[in-house]
Protein backbone atom coordinates (compact mmCIF):
# COMPACT_ATOMS: atom_id res chain seq x y z
CA MET A 1 161.44 84.10 97.84
CA THR A 2 162.45 87.66 97.85
CA PHE A 3 159.25 88.61 96.01
CA ILE A 4 157.01 86.67 98.39
CA ALA A 5 158.87 87.96 101.55
CA ASN A 6 158.40 91.45 100.10
CA LEU A 7 154.76 90.76 99.40
CA ALA A 8 154.25 89.38 103.05
CA ALA A 9 155.88 92.63 104.48
CA ALA A 10 153.66 94.80 102.18
CA ALA A 11 150.65 92.92 103.39
CA ILE A 12 151.62 93.40 107.23
CA LEU A 13 152.34 96.87 106.66
CA CYS A 14 149.00 97.56 104.90
CA ALA A 15 147.18 95.80 107.81
CA THR A 16 149.06 97.69 110.27
CA THR A 17 148.38 100.92 108.65
CA THR A 18 144.64 100.22 108.35
CA PHE A 19 144.72 99.28 111.95
CA ALA A 20 146.43 102.50 112.88
CA LEU A 21 143.65 104.60 111.16
CA ALA A 22 141.09 103.25 113.61
CA GLN A 23 140.40 105.78 116.38
CA ASP A 24 138.44 105.29 119.80
CA ARG A 25 137.09 108.87 120.71
CA SER A 26 135.71 109.12 124.20
CA VAL A 27 132.90 111.42 125.06
CA ASP A 28 131.65 112.05 128.79
CA VAL A 29 128.00 112.31 128.83
CA ARG A 30 126.34 114.91 130.82
CA PHE A 31 122.64 115.32 131.57
CA PRO A 32 120.92 118.68 131.88
CA PRO A 33 120.60 119.67 135.36
CA GLY A 34 117.64 117.87 136.95
CA ALA A 35 117.27 115.55 133.93
CA THR A 36 117.23 111.74 133.81
CA GLY A 37 118.62 111.41 130.45
CA THR A 38 119.85 113.13 127.01
CA THR A 39 119.91 112.66 123.24
CA LEU A 40 123.18 112.86 121.51
CA GLU A 41 123.88 113.11 117.75
CA ASP A 42 127.17 112.08 116.13
CA ARG A 43 128.83 110.32 113.35
CA VAL A 44 131.00 107.17 113.10
CA VAL A 45 133.21 106.35 110.26
CA GLY A 46 134.86 103.05 109.20
CA ARG A 47 136.76 101.21 112.04
CA ASP A 48 136.35 104.04 114.60
CA THR A 49 134.39 103.58 117.76
CA ILE A 50 132.84 106.34 119.85
CA LEU A 51 132.88 105.50 123.69
CA PHE A 52 130.08 107.48 125.56
CA ASN A 53 130.92 107.53 129.25
CA VAL A 54 127.84 107.70 131.76
CA GLY A 55 127.85 107.53 135.45
CA ALA A 56 125.21 105.51 137.19
CA GLU A 57 124.32 103.77 140.56
CA ALA A 58 123.67 100.15 141.59
CA GLY A 59 119.82 99.50 141.34
CA GLN A 60 119.20 102.35 138.71
CA VAL A 61 117.87 101.45 135.29
CA MET A 62 119.63 102.48 132.12
CA GLU A 63 117.85 102.70 128.84
CA VAL A 64 119.90 103.10 125.73
CA ALA A 65 118.39 103.44 122.21
CA LEU A 66 120.29 104.00 118.87
CA SER A 67 118.93 105.13 115.53
CA ALA A 68 121.06 105.46 112.36
CA ASP A 69 120.95 106.16 108.72
CA ASN A 70 123.23 103.04 108.20
CA THR A 71 121.88 99.66 109.24
CA ALA A 72 125.19 98.20 110.07
CA THR A 73 125.54 100.63 113.31
CA TYR A 74 125.44 98.96 116.72
CA PHE A 75 126.28 99.60 120.18
CA ASN A 76 127.90 97.65 123.21
CA VAL A 77 127.34 98.56 126.86
CA TYR A 78 130.15 97.87 129.38
CA ALA A 79 130.26 97.80 133.02
CA PRO A 80 132.65 100.09 135.03
CA GLY A 81 136.31 99.09 134.59
CA ARG A 82 135.64 97.30 131.08
CA GLY A 83 135.71 98.37 127.60
CA PRO A 84 136.26 97.17 123.92
CA GLY A 85 137.80 93.87 124.14
CA ASP A 86 136.16 92.89 127.30
CA GLU A 87 132.81 91.04 127.69
CA ALA A 88 129.88 93.52 127.31
CA LEU A 89 127.05 93.77 129.40
CA ALA A 90 124.84 94.16 126.40
CA ALA A 91 125.24 93.86 122.50
CA SER A 92 122.65 95.81 120.52
CA GLU A 93 122.95 93.35 117.67
CA ASN A 94 121.47 90.64 119.79
CA THR A 95 118.80 92.91 121.75
CA ASN A 96 115.06 92.43 121.01
CA PRO A 97 114.12 94.92 119.39
CA ILE A 98 117.79 95.71 117.87
CA ASN A 99 119.55 98.54 119.01
CA ALA A 100 117.42 99.09 122.20
CA TRP A 101 118.41 97.83 125.75
CA ARG A 102 117.05 98.48 129.20
CA GLY A 103 118.81 96.91 132.22
CA THR A 104 118.96 97.18 136.01
CA LEU A 105 122.52 98.02 136.99
CA SER A 106 124.48 95.85 139.44
CA MET A 107 127.08 98.18 140.24
CA SER A 108 127.90 101.96 140.82
CA GLY A 109 130.67 103.53 138.49
CA THR A 110 131.06 104.77 135.18
CA TYR A 111 129.26 102.65 132.11
CA THR A 112 130.78 102.82 128.66
CA ILE A 113 128.29 102.79 125.39
CA ALA A 114 130.53 101.95 122.38
CA VAL A 115 128.92 102.72 118.95
CA TYR A 116 130.56 101.32 115.92
CA LEU A 117 130.06 99.99 112.41
CA TYR A 118 129.84 96.05 112.01
CA ARG A 119 132.80 94.45 110.42
CA ASN A 120 132.11 94.72 106.57
CA ALA A 121 130.77 98.26 106.67
CA ALA A 122 133.88 99.30 108.86
CA ARG A 123 136.10 97.44 106.24
CA ARG A 124 134.54 99.60 103.42
CA GLY A 125 135.01 102.65 105.20
CA GLU A 126 131.05 103.42 105.42
CA ARG A 127 129.90 106.15 107.65
CA ALA A 128 126.73 106.54 109.79
CA ASP A 129 124.95 109.62 111.20
CA PHE A 130 123.11 108.21 114.27
CA THR A 131 121.16 109.59 117.19
CA LEU A 132 121.86 108.04 120.76
CA ASP A 133 119.11 108.11 123.52
CA ILE A 134 120.43 107.51 127.10
CA SER A 135 118.51 107.62 130.21
CA VAL A 136 119.34 106.47 133.75
CA LEU A 137 116.09 105.97 135.71
CA GLY A 138 115.45 105.40 139.40
CA LYS A 139 116.37 107.20 142.48
CA ALA A 140 120.23 107.24 143.30
CA GLY A 141 120.91 105.51 146.54
CA GLY A 142 123.29 106.52 149.36
CA ARG A 143 126.59 107.68 148.74
CA SER A 144 128.55 105.06 146.74
CA GLU A 145 131.91 105.44 147.85
CA GLY A 146 133.64 107.00 151.04
CA ASP A 147 135.52 106.14 154.15
CA ALA A 148 132.90 103.29 155.14
CA ALA A 149 133.50 102.07 151.57
CA GLY A 150 137.32 101.99 151.97
CA GLY A 151 137.78 105.26 149.95
CA PRO A 152 140.42 107.75 150.90
CA ASP A 153 139.99 109.86 153.95
CA PHE A 154 141.10 112.96 152.01
CA LEU A 155 140.83 114.16 148.35
CA GLN A 156 142.51 116.82 146.50
CA ALA A 157 141.48 119.28 143.80
CA ALA A 158 143.29 118.51 140.60
CA VAL A 159 142.35 121.07 137.90
CA GLY A 160 145.86 122.52 136.79
CA GLY A 161 146.47 125.64 134.72
CA GLY A 162 145.57 127.98 137.55
CA ASN A 163 142.01 126.95 137.29
CA THR A 164 139.53 126.49 140.16
CA LEU A 165 137.01 123.78 141.10
CA ASN A 166 133.45 124.82 141.89
CA LEU A 167 131.90 123.40 145.19
CA ARG A 168 128.31 123.17 144.71
CA ALA A 169 125.26 123.10 147.08
CA ARG A 170 123.98 119.90 145.49
CA PRO A 171 125.28 117.35 143.16
CA SER A 172 124.23 119.25 140.08
CA GLU A 173 125.77 121.69 137.67
CA SER A 174 122.82 123.91 138.20
CA ALA A 175 123.18 124.05 142.00
CA SER A 176 124.60 127.34 143.50
CA VAL A 177 128.60 127.68 143.99
CA VAL A 178 129.34 127.61 147.64
CA THR A 179 133.09 128.32 147.26
CA ARG A 180 135.81 127.44 144.75
CA LEU A 181 138.90 124.90 145.41
CA ILE A 182 142.30 126.05 144.23
CA ASN A 183 144.49 123.32 142.37
CA GLY A 184 146.02 121.14 145.10
CA GLN A 185 143.71 122.06 147.79
CA ASN A 186 142.93 119.00 150.28
CA VAL A 187 139.52 118.31 151.39
CA ARG A 188 137.77 115.69 153.70
CA ASN A 189 135.99 112.95 151.68
CA GLN A 190 132.42 112.61 152.86
CA GLY A 191 131.31 109.92 150.32
CA CYS A 192 130.52 110.08 146.39
CA ARG A 193 127.56 109.18 144.31
CA MET A 194 126.20 109.44 140.66
CA SER A 195 124.10 112.25 139.60
CA GLU A 196 123.29 113.72 136.02
CA GLY A 197 125.56 111.15 134.46
CA ARG A 198 128.77 111.74 136.47
CA ARG A 199 130.30 111.09 139.73
CA TRP A 200 130.13 114.11 142.60
CA CYS A 201 131.85 113.78 146.02
CA ARG A 202 130.64 115.53 149.09
CA VAL A 203 133.94 117.18 150.54
CA ALA A 204 134.61 119.60 153.63
CA THR A 205 137.55 122.14 153.41
CA LEU A 206 140.15 121.67 156.04
CA ALA A 207 141.03 125.32 156.67
CA ASP A 208 138.90 128.11 158.21
CA PRO A 209 136.31 129.20 156.98
CA GLY A 210 134.93 125.63 156.65
CA TYR A 211 132.79 124.80 153.73
CA GLU A 212 130.99 121.85 152.81
CA GLY A 213 129.40 120.95 149.36
CA TRP A 214 129.67 118.72 146.32
CA ALA A 215 132.36 118.76 143.59
CA ALA A 216 132.86 116.97 140.35
CA GLY A 217 134.66 113.61 141.00
CA ASN A 218 136.67 113.75 137.67
CA PHE A 219 138.67 116.51 139.07
CA LEU A 220 139.42 114.88 142.40
CA VAL A 221 142.46 112.67 143.34
CA GLU A 222 143.62 111.29 146.46
CA GLY A 223 144.95 113.80 148.89
CA GLU A 224 146.08 114.13 152.65
CA GLY A 225 144.91 115.81 155.62
CA ILE A 226 147.00 119.00 155.43
CA ALA A 227 145.45 122.37 154.77
CA VAL A 228 147.03 124.73 152.20
CA SER A 229 147.32 128.37 152.28
CA LEU A 230 144.34 130.12 150.63
CA PRO A 231 144.18 133.52 148.86
CA GLU A 232 141.84 136.05 150.82
CA GLU A 233 139.22 135.74 148.10
CA PRO A 234 138.83 132.49 146.21
CA PRO A 235 140.05 132.92 142.38
CA GLY A 236 137.65 132.95 139.72
CA MET A 237 134.87 134.56 141.67
CA SER A 238 134.59 137.73 139.70
CA MET A 239 132.41 138.27 136.60
CA PRO A 240 133.93 138.58 133.29
CA ASP A 241 135.51 142.05 132.60
CA ALA A 242 134.20 142.54 129.17
CA VAL A 243 131.08 141.15 127.11
CA GLU A 244 131.43 140.67 123.36
CA PRO A 245 128.30 139.64 121.45
CA VAL A 246 128.94 137.10 118.62
CA ALA A 247 127.64 138.00 115.13
CA PHE A 248 127.81 135.19 112.21
CA ALA A 249 128.23 136.57 108.69
CA PRO A 250 125.14 136.26 106.36
CA GLY A 251 124.45 132.64 105.72
CA ALA A 252 127.11 131.18 108.19
CA SER A 253 126.59 128.92 110.85
CA GLY A 254 129.82 130.09 112.69
CA ALA A 255 132.24 132.53 113.81
CA ARG A 256 136.09 132.65 114.70
CA LEU A 257 137.13 135.51 116.96
CA LYS A 258 140.61 136.40 118.54
CA GLY A 259 141.36 137.71 121.92
CA ARG A 260 143.88 138.54 124.37
CA LEU A 261 143.38 138.25 128.26
CA ASP A 262 145.78 139.65 130.80
CA PRO A 263 146.35 137.80 134.09
CA GLY A 264 143.20 137.23 136.05
CA ASP A 265 141.06 138.68 133.27
CA ALA A 266 137.98 137.12 131.64
CA ARG A 267 135.71 137.88 128.68
CA SER A 268 132.08 136.68 128.02
CA TYR A 269 131.02 135.94 124.27
CA THR A 270 127.16 136.08 123.97
CA LEU A 271 125.11 134.42 121.18
CA ASP A 272 121.58 133.69 120.64
CA ALA A 273 120.50 130.11 120.14
CA ARG A 274 117.46 127.85 120.34
CA ASP A 275 116.47 125.02 122.34
CA GLY A 276 117.30 121.74 120.39
CA GLN A 277 120.27 123.58 118.35
CA PHE A 278 123.77 122.08 118.81
CA LEU A 279 126.60 124.50 119.86
CA THR A 280 130.11 123.81 119.20
CA VAL A 281 132.83 125.84 120.93
CA GLN A 282 136.84 125.46 120.58
CA VAL A 283 139.15 127.66 122.53
CA LEU A 284 142.60 127.56 120.70
CA GLY A 285 145.15 128.90 123.12
CA GLN A 286 148.33 130.45 121.87
CA GLY A 287 150.10 130.49 125.19
CA PRO A 288 149.40 129.70 128.80
CA ALA A 289 146.68 127.29 129.18
CA ILE A 290 143.19 129.16 129.95
CA SER A 291 139.82 127.76 130.49
CA TYR A 292 136.01 128.39 129.65
CA ARG A 293 132.71 127.76 130.73
CA ILE A 294 129.16 128.16 129.10
CA LEU A 295 125.86 129.69 130.72
CA ASN A 296 122.21 129.04 129.69
CA PRO A 297 120.02 132.18 129.06
CA ASP A 298 118.72 131.96 132.87
CA GLY A 299 122.26 131.82 134.24
CA THR A 300 122.63 128.15 135.24
CA VAL A 301 125.51 126.36 134.09
CA LEU A 302 125.53 124.35 130.56
CA LEU A 303 129.20 123.48 130.88
CA ASP A 304 131.26 123.69 134.03
CA GLU A 305 134.67 125.37 133.83
CA MET A 306 137.13 123.25 131.82
CA MET A 307 140.65 123.62 130.16
CA SER A 308 140.74 124.99 126.62
CA ASP A 309 142.53 121.84 125.35
CA ARG A 310 139.01 120.32 125.23
CA ASP A 311 136.35 121.29 122.80
CA TYR A 312 132.78 121.38 123.54
CA ARG A 313 129.83 120.06 121.39
CA GLY A 314 126.23 119.84 122.96
CA GLN A 315 122.50 120.13 122.48
CA LEU A 316 121.07 123.19 123.96
CA TRP A 317 117.92 122.97 126.16
CA GLN A 318 116.94 126.75 126.49
CA THR A 319 116.15 129.46 123.90
CA GLY A 320 117.75 132.83 124.37
CA VAL A 321 121.13 134.42 124.82
CA HIS A 322 123.93 132.02 125.88
CA ALA A 323 127.21 133.16 127.32
CA VAL A 324 130.71 131.52 126.94
CA GLN A 325 133.16 132.89 129.59
CA VAL A 326 136.90 132.70 128.59
CA MET A 327 138.96 132.87 131.73
CA ASN A 328 142.62 133.48 132.35
CA HIS A 329 143.81 132.32 135.70
CA THR A 330 147.47 132.18 135.14
CA ALA A 331 150.13 134.83 135.74
CA ASN A 332 150.76 135.44 132.09
CA VAL A 333 149.13 137.27 129.12
CA ALA A 334 147.05 134.79 127.07
CA ASP A 335 146.16 135.23 123.39
CA TYR A 336 143.66 132.91 121.98
CA THR A 337 141.27 132.26 119.11
CA VAL A 338 137.56 131.09 119.97
CA VAL A 339 135.48 129.41 117.35
CA PHE A 340 131.72 129.07 117.53
CA GLY A 341 129.33 126.87 115.68
CA ILE A 342 125.38 126.56 115.74
CA GLU A 343 123.74 124.03 113.81
């Protein structure tokens, strides 16, 4: 009996360990400014699942196509508020043709596309390199959320770490910046909509001078109608204080550089890359939280400002010198390491 009990316990432990190895990785999909879709390349291994999150509006048409070097690779599409374990809107193992789906969306929100390996392949720990094409077609409708839809009257910028939130002229990362909102700043909600695969909200500031514009919805939480004291000049508006070209060693596809920023300082790293290549950026902070953003050769925004605890990997759509701007909005000196990769 003791042997059987120990054997059963070992089996349970083994199953638990195997289950624990499964990892769900989430990727927020962003379309290039003005584009209706994007192409992503990635790898899924064993029991892991990669969740691609895409914003879209009711009435639009979503198209998803998957190609992989392992025929046991499939995807499920989930409606807003649902995910693995819930009923799927589409399962690519059943589509005709397999791994291609096109559907008209019935509700506005963030849809999830889960890429995974089928049972036997997952259990064997196989891997698959894949390409995922995602498009959202059709004109976005009116504002999908807001006062009229029962949303909060006021929203609040939630960026943390001394960062700021860009208020743009249009719901696009390529649009000009009207002003920047500081963390905790309350704004009036004028309605939200989906654009370029993410949610944007039109808001108005409460304090003089007044500004109106569009802010990324994932950095907004429910607020209140109380104006906060603002600095004379919105933080983060100045250009980087230093520019440092990035040079890869002969035959290398990446580089690692160390830096230090005083409070309020910024540094721009420039590197040459081609349309269609993939850029990877990691900013490893060794002190206070800092942030970074990436600019295209023509000055438009490739990646809006985000915290250094999140890595970036994405496909480029312009050829030329790209700029990675590292910023320290904190009141302390920040030491960091920045890692670049181009493939």
